[in-house]
Amino acid sequence: MNFGITPKKGAVTDEMPSRSAPIIERAPLPIIEVNGPDHLISYVNSAFCNLVGKTRDQLMGKGFSEIVCGGDQCVPILNKVYETGAAVTHVQPDDSETDPAYWLYAMWPALDENERPAGVIIQLAKATRFRQNVTAMNEALLIAGLRQHELTDEAEQLNVKLQAAQAEISHHAANLERDVNQRTAELRESIRSLESLTYTMAHDLRAPIRAMSGLTEALLEDVPLNATGKQYAAGIHKAAMRMDELINDLLDYGQLTHISFPTHVVDLRIEIGEVLAGIAETIKTTHAEIRIREPLPLVFGNKTLLCQVFSNLILNAIKFVAPGTVPKVLIYAETRDATVRFWVEDNGIGIAPEHHNRIFGVFQRLHTTSAFPGTGVGLAIIKTAMDRMSGDVGLESAHSGSRFWIELPKVI
């Protein structure tokens, strides 16, 4: 690469020798340029002047061997660069220092307009304790290599331990999964057995309860009793009727847990119509007002379960009103992304928010039977029925009126 025009052989000038000189002048490393076979200094930068402790005027035109200690030993190398145009590096001991010191050279040719060497550019630096530093670096590299080997061995040992730990964890996980599956199966079997037992007991209790109810009716009609006897017999009959109602609810609840209920497309306009026909006497007796706001979209569910769900919801809406209040019930639907939510809204006494979760449990009552007759199983039946249809149930209520909702997959 051409570094610019070099002055003629033997010429000495204070001017910078090439276009690269401004760049070299600002370089942080000491740089000089020598010309001709005598290697006379034609340019020095400020860093070189600081290195040797002389001004530019004191250096210009001098031979290189005169200004650097041991510079005469570098002359053969300068000759080689000047003659061949090949760049070289060189380390030259400085015997003038008490502590070991070295001159570090980088030399490359300065070319004339014909691309022939006209001089040599030299970058140099002075390093003290160079060989000691190199030795220390080599020792550090050796120690680092040994340490790397040790760390590699440790890493391999840790990897073996990690693999063993992972294998042990996998073994324990497999055993845990097997135990969980086994215990889950046992628990499900226990629940099925308990549900079957509950259903059987409730079924078997119906006969004696109905016998008790029939006998007390006969006692009241056919046997002369005084006022106290009639009061006792009436109490027995009332208790038997309530027990029969409870057993019927338990049987309905038990059927939900161990009988298959396949789902299919259901038109709730038809099913709710059948429910209202079935409870027409109650509606008439209570003067209840039932309104249905259409449309009621088609959904996937089970007709039998949905009839039971809406029957329980509507009867509860009619029953749980303040004394002297005409029950008003509104049934409507909201279409969502993949489901339809059906609402049953009433003007009843409402349900406090703290009771919203527990009322769907079996035998959960918020009022006495004297205030509002019932068994406390109706909402549990609704919750279980919705679970069996992969649906959901909930409510919104405070202290006046309730809005129960059920949600089912819609027919697309």
Protein backbone atom coordinates (compact mmCIF):
# COMPACT_ATOMS: atom_id res chain seq x y z
CA MET A 1 0.00 0.00 0.00
CA ASN A 2 1.37 3.43 -0.88
CA PHE A 3 1.76 5.70 2.14
CA GLY A 4 2.41 8.79 -0.03
CA ILE A 5 5.41 10.45 -1.68
CA THR A 6 8.66 9.96 0.17
CA PRO A 7 11.39 12.69 -0.11
CA LYS A 8 14.38 11.99 -2.35
CA LYS A 9 17.23 9.95 -1.04
CA GLY A 10 19.21 11.75 1.65
CA ALA A 11 16.80 14.66 1.92
CA VAL A 12 15.91 15.94 5.35
CA THR A 13 12.82 18.09 6.00
CA ASP A 14 10.66 19.21 8.92
CA GLU A 15 7.57 18.75 6.79
CA MET A 16 5.44 15.67 7.22
CA PRO A 17 6.42 13.13 4.57
CA SER A 18 3.03 11.81 3.44
CA ARG A 19 -0.75 12.15 3.50
CA SER A 20 -0.79 9.50 6.23
CA ALA A 21 1.32 11.69 8.52
CA PRO A 22 -1.64 13.48 10.19
CA ILE A 23 -3.07 10.10 11.12
CA ILE A 24 0.30 8.80 12.35
CA GLU A 25 0.81 12.01 14.33
CA ARG A 26 -2.32 11.30 16.37
CA ALA A 27 -1.46 7.61 16.87
CA PRO A 28 -0.94 6.69 20.57
CA LEU A 29 2.01 4.40 19.75
CA PRO A 30 5.50 5.74 18.86
CA ILE A 31 6.03 5.77 15.06
CA ILE A 32 8.93 7.05 12.93
CA GLU A 33 9.86 6.93 9.25
CA VAL A 34 13.39 6.49 7.94
CA ASN A 35 14.51 7.01 4.32
CA GLY A 36 17.12 5.50 2.09
CA PRO A 37 19.68 2.81 2.71
CA ASP A 38 21.21 4.91 5.52
CA HIS A 39 17.91 4.91 7.35
CA LEU A 40 17.90 8.62 8.15
CA ILE A 41 14.90 9.85 10.12
CA SER A 42 12.46 11.79 7.96
CA TYR A 43 9.49 11.87 10.32
CA VAL A 44 8.69 11.21 13.99
CA ASN A 45 5.34 11.51 15.77
CA SER A 46 4.82 13.06 19.20
CA ALA A 47 4.51 9.68 20.93
CA PHE A 48 8.02 8.73 19.73
CA CYS A 49 9.47 12.06 20.93
CA ASN A 50 7.92 11.39 24.37
CA LEU A 51 9.34 7.86 24.38
CA VAL A 52 12.96 8.89 23.78
CA GLY A 53 12.73 12.25 25.57
CA LYS A 54 13.85 14.39 22.59
CA THR A 55 12.28 17.00 20.35
CA ARG A 56 11.48 16.49 16.70
CA ASP A 57 14.27 18.92 15.70
CA GLN A 58 16.78 16.87 17.71
CA LEU A 59 15.75 13.71 15.86
CA MET A 60 15.18 14.72 12.26
CA GLY A 61 18.00 13.68 9.90
CA LYS A 62 19.68 11.45 12.43
CA GLY A 63 20.44 7.81 11.67
CA PHE A 64 18.15 5.35 13.36
CA SER A 65 21.06 3.57 15.05
CA GLU A 66 22.00 6.82 16.82
CA ILE A 67 18.76 7.44 18.70
CA VAL A 68 17.62 4.06 20.01
CA CYS A 69 19.75 1.98 22.36
CA GLY A 70 20.80 -1.11 20.42
CA GLY A 71 19.48 0.49 17.22
CA ASP A 72 22.61 -0.57 15.33
CA GLN A 73 21.55 -4.20 15.83
CA CYS A 74 18.30 -3.38 14.01
CA VAL A 75 20.08 -2.06 10.89
CA PRO A 76 20.28 -5.50 9.20
CA ILE A 77 16.55 -5.90 9.70
CA LEU A 78 15.89 -2.41 8.31
CA ASN A 79 18.06 -3.30 5.31
CA LYS A 80 15.96 -6.41 4.71
CA VAL A 81 12.69 -4.46 4.82
CA TYR A 82 14.13 -1.74 2.58
CA GLU A 83 15.44 -4.24 0.05
CA THR A 84 12.58 -6.79 -0.02
CA GLY A 85 9.54 -4.71 0.94
CA ALA A 86 8.53 -7.41 3.48
CA ALA A 87 7.11 -6.35 6.85
CA VAL A 88 8.73 -7.83 9.99
CA THR A 89 8.45 -7.74 13.78
CA HIS A 90 11.41 -7.82 16.13
CA VAL A 91 12.20 -7.88 19.86
CA GLN A 92 15.48 -6.19 20.85
CA PRO A 93 16.92 -6.34 24.41
CA ASP A 94 17.85 -3.02 26.02
CA ASP A 95 21.05 -3.64 28.00
CA SER A 96 21.13 -0.09 29.32
CA GLU A 97 18.37 -0.79 31.88
CA THR A 98 18.97 -2.29 35.33
CA ASP A 99 15.76 -4.30 35.11
CA PRO A 100 15.34 -6.36 31.96
CA ALA A 101 13.74 -4.22 29.19
CA TYR A 102 12.96 -4.79 25.54
CA TRP A 103 12.21 -2.79 22.41
CA LEU A 104 9.30 -4.20 20.45
CA TYR A 105 9.41 -3.33 16.72
CA ALA A 106 6.96 -3.53 13.85
CA MET A 107 8.56 -2.51 10.51
CA TRP A 108 6.99 -2.15 7.06
CA PRO A 109 8.07 -0.38 3.85
CA ALA A 110 7.21 3.18 2.82
CA LEU A 111 6.66 3.07 -0.96
CA ASP A 112 7.41 5.70 -3.60
CA GLU A 113 5.22 6.63 -6.55
CA ASN A 114 6.43 3.51 -8.36
CA GLU A 115 5.39 1.24 -5.50
CA ARG A 116 9.05 0.57 -4.61
CA PRO A 117 10.46 0.82 -1.08
CA ALA A 118 11.83 4.31 -0.43
CA GLY A 119 12.09 3.96 3.31
CA VAL A 120 10.81 2.11 6.34
CA ILE A 121 8.04 3.00 8.80
CA ILE A 122 8.74 1.76 12.31
CA GLN A 123 6.31 1.36 15.18
CA LEU A 124 8.00 0.56 18.45
CA ALA A 125 7.33 0.30 22.16
CA LYS A 126 9.45 -0.31 25.19
CA ALA A 127 8.45 -3.10 27.58
CA THR A 128 10.04 -3.83 30.96
CA ARG A 129 10.14 -7.30 32.54
CA PHE A 130 8.89 -8.67 29.20
CA ARG A 131 10.26 -12.18 29.47
CA GLN A 132 9.22 -12.45 33.11
CA ASN A 133 5.71 -11.42 32.10
CA VAL A 134 5.68 -13.93 29.27
CA THR A 135 6.86 -16.64 31.65
CA ALA A 136 4.17 -15.68 34.15
CA MET A 137 1.57 -15.76 31.38
CA ASN A 138 2.73 -19.22 30.31
CA GLU A 139 2.58 -20.45 33.89
CA ALA A 140 -0.91 -18.97 34.26
CA LEU A 141 -2.01 -20.66 31.03
CA LEU A 142 -0.58 -23.97 32.24
CA ILE A 143 -2.37 -23.67 35.58
CA ALA A 144 -5.56 -22.65 33.80
CA GLY A 145 -5.25 -25.70 31.55
CA LEU A 146 -4.80 -28.00 34.52
CA ARG A 147 -7.69 -26.35 36.32
CA GLN A 148 -9.85 -26.71 33.21
CA HIS A 149 -9.03 -30.43 33.16
CA GLU A 150 -9.98 -30.70 36.83
CA LEU A 151 -13.22 -28.79 36.23
CA THR A 152 -14.01 -31.04 33.27
CA ASP A 153 -13.60 -34.10 35.50
CA GLU A 154 -15.78 -32.50 38.18
CA ALA A 155 -18.39 -31.59 35.56
CA GLU A 156 -18.44 -35.17 34.27
CA GLN A 157 -18.85 -36.51 37.83
CA LEU A 158 -21.65 -34.02 38.50
CA ASN A 159 -23.32 -34.99 35.23
CA VAL A 160 -23.24 -38.65 36.26
CA LYS A 161 -24.78 -37.75 39.62
CA LEU A 162 -27.38 -35.57 37.90
CA GLN A 163 -28.37 -38.40 35.56
CA ALA A 164 -28.65 -40.75 38.52
CA ALA A 165 -30.80 -38.21 40.38
CA GLN A 166 -33.03 -37.74 37.34
CA ALA A 167 -33.43 -41.50 36.99
CA GLU A 168 -34.37 -41.75 40.67
CA ILE A 169 -36.87 -38.88 40.32
CA SER A 170 -38.41 -40.54 37.26
CA HIS A 171 -38.69 -43.79 39.21
CA HIS A 172 -40.37 -42.07 42.16
CA ALA A 173 -42.66 -40.13 39.78
CA ALA A 174 -43.73 -43.36 38.08
CA ASN A 175 -44.43 -44.98 41.45
CA LEU A 176 -46.33 -41.90 42.62
CA GLU A 177 -48.45 -41.82 39.47
CA ARG A 178 -49.22 -45.52 39.86
CA ASP A 179 -50.19 -45.03 43.52
CA VAL A 180 -52.35 -42.00 42.69
CA ASN A 181 -54.13 -43.86 39.90
CA GLN A 182 -54.70 -46.87 42.15
CA ARG A 183 -56.01 -44.78 45.03
CA THR A 184 -58.17 -42.71 42.70
CA ALA A 185 -59.71 -45.89 41.32
CA GLU A 186 -60.29 -47.16 44.87
CA LEU A 187 -61.86 -43.85 45.87
CA ARG A 188 -64.16 -43.87 42.85
CA GLU A 189 -65.20 -47.42 43.65
CA SER A 190 -65.89 -46.43 47.26
CA ILE A 191 -67.99 -43.48 46.10
CA ARG A 192 -69.94 -45.68 43.69
CA SER A 193 -70.53 -48.21 46.46
CA LEU A 194 -71.67 -45.49 48.84
CA GLU A 195 -73.97 -43.97 46.22
CA SER A 196 -75.43 -47.38 45.45
CA LEU A 197 -75.95 -48.07 49.14
CA THR A 198 -77.64 -44.70 49.62
CA TYR A 199 -79.94 -45.33 46.69
CA THR A 200 -80.80 -48.84 47.92
CA MET A 201 -81.48 -47.69 51.49
CA ALA A 202 -83.66 -44.84 50.30
CA HIS A 203 -85.59 -47.19 48.02
CA ASP A 204 -86.09 -49.77 50.76
CA LEU A 205 -87.26 -47.14 53.25
CA ARG A 206 -90.13 -46.03 51.06
CA ALA A 207 -92.33 -49.04 51.81
CA PRO A 208 -92.38 -48.74 55.65
CA ILE A 209 -92.72 -44.96 55.45
CA ARG A 210 -95.71 -45.22 53.14
CA ALA A 211 -97.19 -47.93 55.35
CA MET A 212 -96.83 -45.60 58.35
CA SER A 213 -98.51 -42.79 56.41
CA GLY A 214 -101.39 -45.07 55.34
CA LEU A 215 -101.93 -46.45 58.84
CA THR A 216 -102.09 -42.98 60.40
CA GLU A 217 -104.64 -41.92 57.79
CA ALA A 218 -106.73 -44.99 58.64
CA LEU A 219 -106.30 -44.27 62.33
CA LEU A 220 -107.60 -40.73 61.87
CA GLU A 221 -110.56 -41.83 59.74
CA ASP A 222 -111.66 -45.13 61.29
CA VAL A 223 -110.67 -45.04 64.95
CA PRO A 224 -112.40 -42.72 67.42
CA LEU A 225 -109.67 -40.61 69.06
CA ASN A 226 -109.78 -37.75 71.46
CA ALA A 227 -108.25 -34.41 70.52
CA THR A 228 -104.80 -35.32 71.82
CA GLY A 229 -104.77 -38.63 69.95
CA LYS A 230 -105.83 -36.96 66.73
CA GLN A 231 -103.07 -34.37 67.20
CA TYR A 232 -100.44 -37.09 67.67
CA ALA A 233 -101.69 -39.11 64.70
CA ALA A 234 -101.68 -36.00 62.50
CA GLY A 235 -98.09 -35.27 63.57
CA ILE A 236 -97.03 -38.82 62.70
CA HIS A 237 -98.71 -38.57 59.29
CA LYS A 238 -97.06 -35.20 58.58
CA ALA A 239 -93.62 -36.54 59.55
CA ALA A 240 -94.14 -39.64 57.38
CA MET A 241 -95.11 -37.48 54.40
CA ARG A 242 -92.03 -35.31 54.87
CA MET A 243 -89.83 -38.41 55.13
CA ASP A 244 -91.38 -39.76 51.94
CA GLU A 245 -90.61 -36.47 50.18
CA LEU A 246 -87.02 -36.61 51.42
CA ILE A 247 -86.62 -40.21 50.23
CA ASN A 248 -87.97 -39.27 46.81
CA ASP A 249 -85.42 -36.47 46.56
CA LEU A 250 -82.62 -38.80 47.65
CA LEU A 251 -83.68 -41.32 45.03
CA ASP A 252 -83.64 -38.59 42.39
CA TYR A 253 -80.19 -37.49 43.56
CA GLY A 254 -78.92 -41.08 43.67
CA GLN A 255 -80.11 -41.77 40.13
CA LEU A 256 -77.99 -38.86 38.89
CA THR A 257 -74.81 -40.47 40.18
CA HIS A 258 -75.09 -44.01 38.84
CA ILE A 259 -77.39 -43.92 35.80
CA SER A 260 -76.18 -42.97 32.33
CA PHE A 261 -77.67 -39.78 30.85
CA PRO A 262 -76.63 -39.34 27.19
CA THR A 263 -76.74 -35.82 25.75
CA HIS A 264 -78.41 -34.78 22.52
CA VAL A 265 -79.95 -31.69 20.95
CA VAL A 266 -82.67 -30.27 23.21
CA ASP A 267 -85.34 -27.65 22.41
CA LEU A 268 -86.01 -26.03 25.79
CA ARG A 269 -89.15 -24.30 24.54
CA ILE A 270 -90.78 -27.72 24.44
CA GLU A 271 -89.23 -29.05 27.66
CA ILE A 272 -90.04 -25.95 29.73
CA GLY A 273 -93.59 -26.12 28.38
CA GLU A 274 -93.89 -29.69 29.68
CA VAL A 275 -92.47 -28.61 33.06
CA LEU A 276 -95.03 -25.82 33.39
CA ALA A 277 -97.84 -28.24 32.51
CA GLY A 278 -96.61 -30.61 35.22
CA ILE A 279 -96.68 -27.92 37.92
CA ALA A 280 -99.81 -26.15 36.66
CA GLU A 281 -101.70 -26.80 39.93
CA THR A 282 -98.95 -25.13 41.98
CA ILE A 283 -98.89 -22.18 39.60
CA LYS A 284 -102.66 -21.86 39.87
CA THR A 285 -102.73 -22.14 43.65
CA THR A 286 -100.01 -19.51 44.18
CA HIS A 287 -101.26 -17.23 41.35
CA ALA A 288 -97.66 -17.23 40.07
CA GLU A 289 -96.84 -15.29 36.91
CA ILE A 290 -94.45 -17.16 34.62
CA ARG A 291 -93.03 -15.37 31.55
CA ILE A 292 -90.73 -16.81 28.90
CA ARG A 293 -88.74 -14.43 26.74
CA GLU A 294 -87.79 -16.03 23.45
CA PRO A 295 -85.69 -17.12 21.66
CA LEU A 296 -84.48 -20.10 23.65
CA PRO A 297 -81.65 -21.52 21.47
CA LEU A 298 -81.05 -25.22 20.97
CA VAL A 299 -78.43 -26.79 23.25
CA PHE A 300 -76.75 -30.12 23.92
CA GLY A 301 -78.15 -31.76 27.06
CA ASN A 302 -80.41 -34.47 28.41
CA LYS A 303 -84.18 -33.94 28.31
CA THR A 304 -84.90 -35.79 31.56
CA LEU A 305 -82.25 -33.90 33.51
CA LEU A 306 -83.20 -30.52 32.07
CA CYS A 307 -86.86 -31.04 32.94
CA GLN A 308 -85.83 -31.80 36.51
CA VAL A 309 -83.48 -28.78 36.63
CA PHE A 310 -86.09 -26.29 35.40
CA SER A 311 -88.80 -27.86 37.56
CA ASN A 312 -86.69 -27.37 40.69
CA LEU A 313 -85.66 -23.81 39.71
CA ILE A 314 -89.20 -22.68 38.92
CA LEU A 315 -90.71 -24.31 42.04
CA ASN A 316 -88.03 -22.65 44.21
CA ALA A 317 -88.77 -19.29 42.57
CA ILE A 318 -92.48 -19.72 43.37
CA LYS A 319 -91.88 -20.96 46.92
CA PHE A 320 -89.26 -18.56 48.29
CA VAL A 321 -91.24 -15.29 48.27
CA ALA A 322 -92.27 -13.02 51.10
CA PRO A 323 -95.72 -13.64 52.57
CA GLY A 324 -98.48 -12.00 50.53
CA THR A 325 -96.23 -11.61 47.47
CA VAL A 326 -97.37 -12.90 44.09
CA PRO A 327 -94.48 -14.93 42.64
CA LYS A 328 -93.14 -13.57 39.35
CA VAL A 329 -90.71 -15.65 37.28
CA LEU A 330 -88.91 -14.66 34.05
CA ILE A 331 -87.06 -17.23 31.92
CA TYR A 332 -84.74 -16.09 29.12
CA ALA A 333 -81.43 -16.96 27.41
CA GLU A 334 -78.12 -15.31 26.49
CA THR A 335 -75.97 -16.69 23.67
CA ARG A 336 -72.23 -16.75 24.30
CA ASP A 337 -69.22 -17.88 22.23
CA ALA A 338 -69.76 -21.64 22.53
CA THR A 339 -72.52 -21.85 25.14
CA VAL A 340 -76.02 -20.66 25.98
CA ARG A 341 -76.81 -19.31 29.44
CA PHE A 342 -80.43 -19.68 30.61
CA TRP A 343 -81.67 -17.42 33.40
CA VAL A 344 -84.51 -18.00 35.86
CA GLU A 345 -85.22 -14.67 37.53
CA ASP A 346 -87.63 -14.22 40.46
CA ASN A 347 -88.92 -11.60 42.88
CA GLY A 348 -88.30 -13.70 45.96
CA ILE A 349 -86.56 -13.12 49.27
CA GLY A 350 -83.06 -13.41 47.77
CA ILE A 351 -79.94 -15.19 48.98
CA ALA A 352 -77.10 -13.45 50.79
CA PRO A 353 -73.74 -13.63 48.90
CA GLU A 354 -72.03 -15.55 51.69
CA HIS A 355 -74.42 -18.47 51.09
CA HIS A 356 -74.03 -18.69 47.30
CA ASN A 357 -71.50 -21.52 47.32
CA ARG A 358 -72.89 -23.78 50.01
CA ILE A 359 -76.54 -23.84 48.89
CA PHE A 360 -75.67 -26.33 46.12
CA GLY A 361 -74.66 -28.96 48.70
CA VAL A 362 -76.93 -31.80 49.88
CA PHE A 363 -79.23 -30.93 52.83
CA GLN A 364 -78.18 -27.26 52.80
CA ARG A 365 -81.06 -25.13 54.05
CA LEU A 366 -81.16 -21.42 54.86
CA HIS A 367 -84.62 -21.45 56.47
CA THR A 368 -86.64 -23.63 58.79
CA THR A 369 -89.16 -26.09 57.36
CA SER A 370 -91.92 -24.20 59.11
CA ALA A 371 -91.07 -21.04 57.16
CA PHE A 372 -90.34 -22.72 53.82
CA PRO A 373 -90.98 -26.47 53.52
CA GLY A 374 -88.42 -28.56 51.66
CA THR A 375 -85.66 -31.14 52.01
CA GLY A 376 -82.54 -29.14 51.09
CA VAL A 377 -81.71 -31.46 48.18
CA GLY A 378 -83.22 -29.58 45.22
CA LEU A 379 -80.22 -27.37 44.36
CA ALA A 380 -77.83 -30.30 44.88
CA ILE A 381 -79.83 -32.20 42.26
CA ILE A 382 -79.51 -29.23 39.89
CA LYS A 383 -75.72 -29.00 40.43
CA THR A 384 -75.16 -32.72 39.90
CA ALA A 385 -77.42 -32.79 36.83
CA MET A 386 -75.48 -29.92 35.23
CA ASP A 387 -72.19 -31.67 35.98
CA ARG A 388 -73.47 -34.81 34.26
CA MET A 389 -74.23 -32.75 31.14
CA SER A 390 -70.84 -30.95 31.18
CA GLY A 391 -72.65 -27.75 32.03
CA ASP A 392 -72.51 -25.22 34.84
CA VAL A 393 -74.82 -23.50 37.29
CA GLY A 394 -74.67 -20.36 39.40
CA LEU A 395 -76.66 -17.41 40.68
CA GLU A 396 -76.72 -13.68 41.24
CA SER A 397 -78.60 -12.53 44.31
CA ALA A 398 -78.46 -10.27 47.30
CA HIS A 399 -81.39 -9.68 49.65
CA SER A 400 -84.19 -9.20 47.14
CA GLY A 401 -84.80 -11.45 44.16
CA SER A 402 -82.54 -14.12 42.72
CA ARG A 403 -81.23 -14.86 39.21
CA PHE A 404 -80.20 -18.49 38.83
CA TRP A 405 -78.46 -19.50 35.60
CA ILE A 406 -77.46 -22.72 33.90
CA GLU A 407 -75.03 -22.94 31.00
CA LEU A 408 -74.81 -25.62 28.28
CA PRO A 409 -72.96 -26.11 24.97
CA LYS A 410 -74.91 -24.50 22.14
CA VAL A 411 -75.82 -26.17 18.89
CA ILE A 412 -73.87 -24.58 16.04
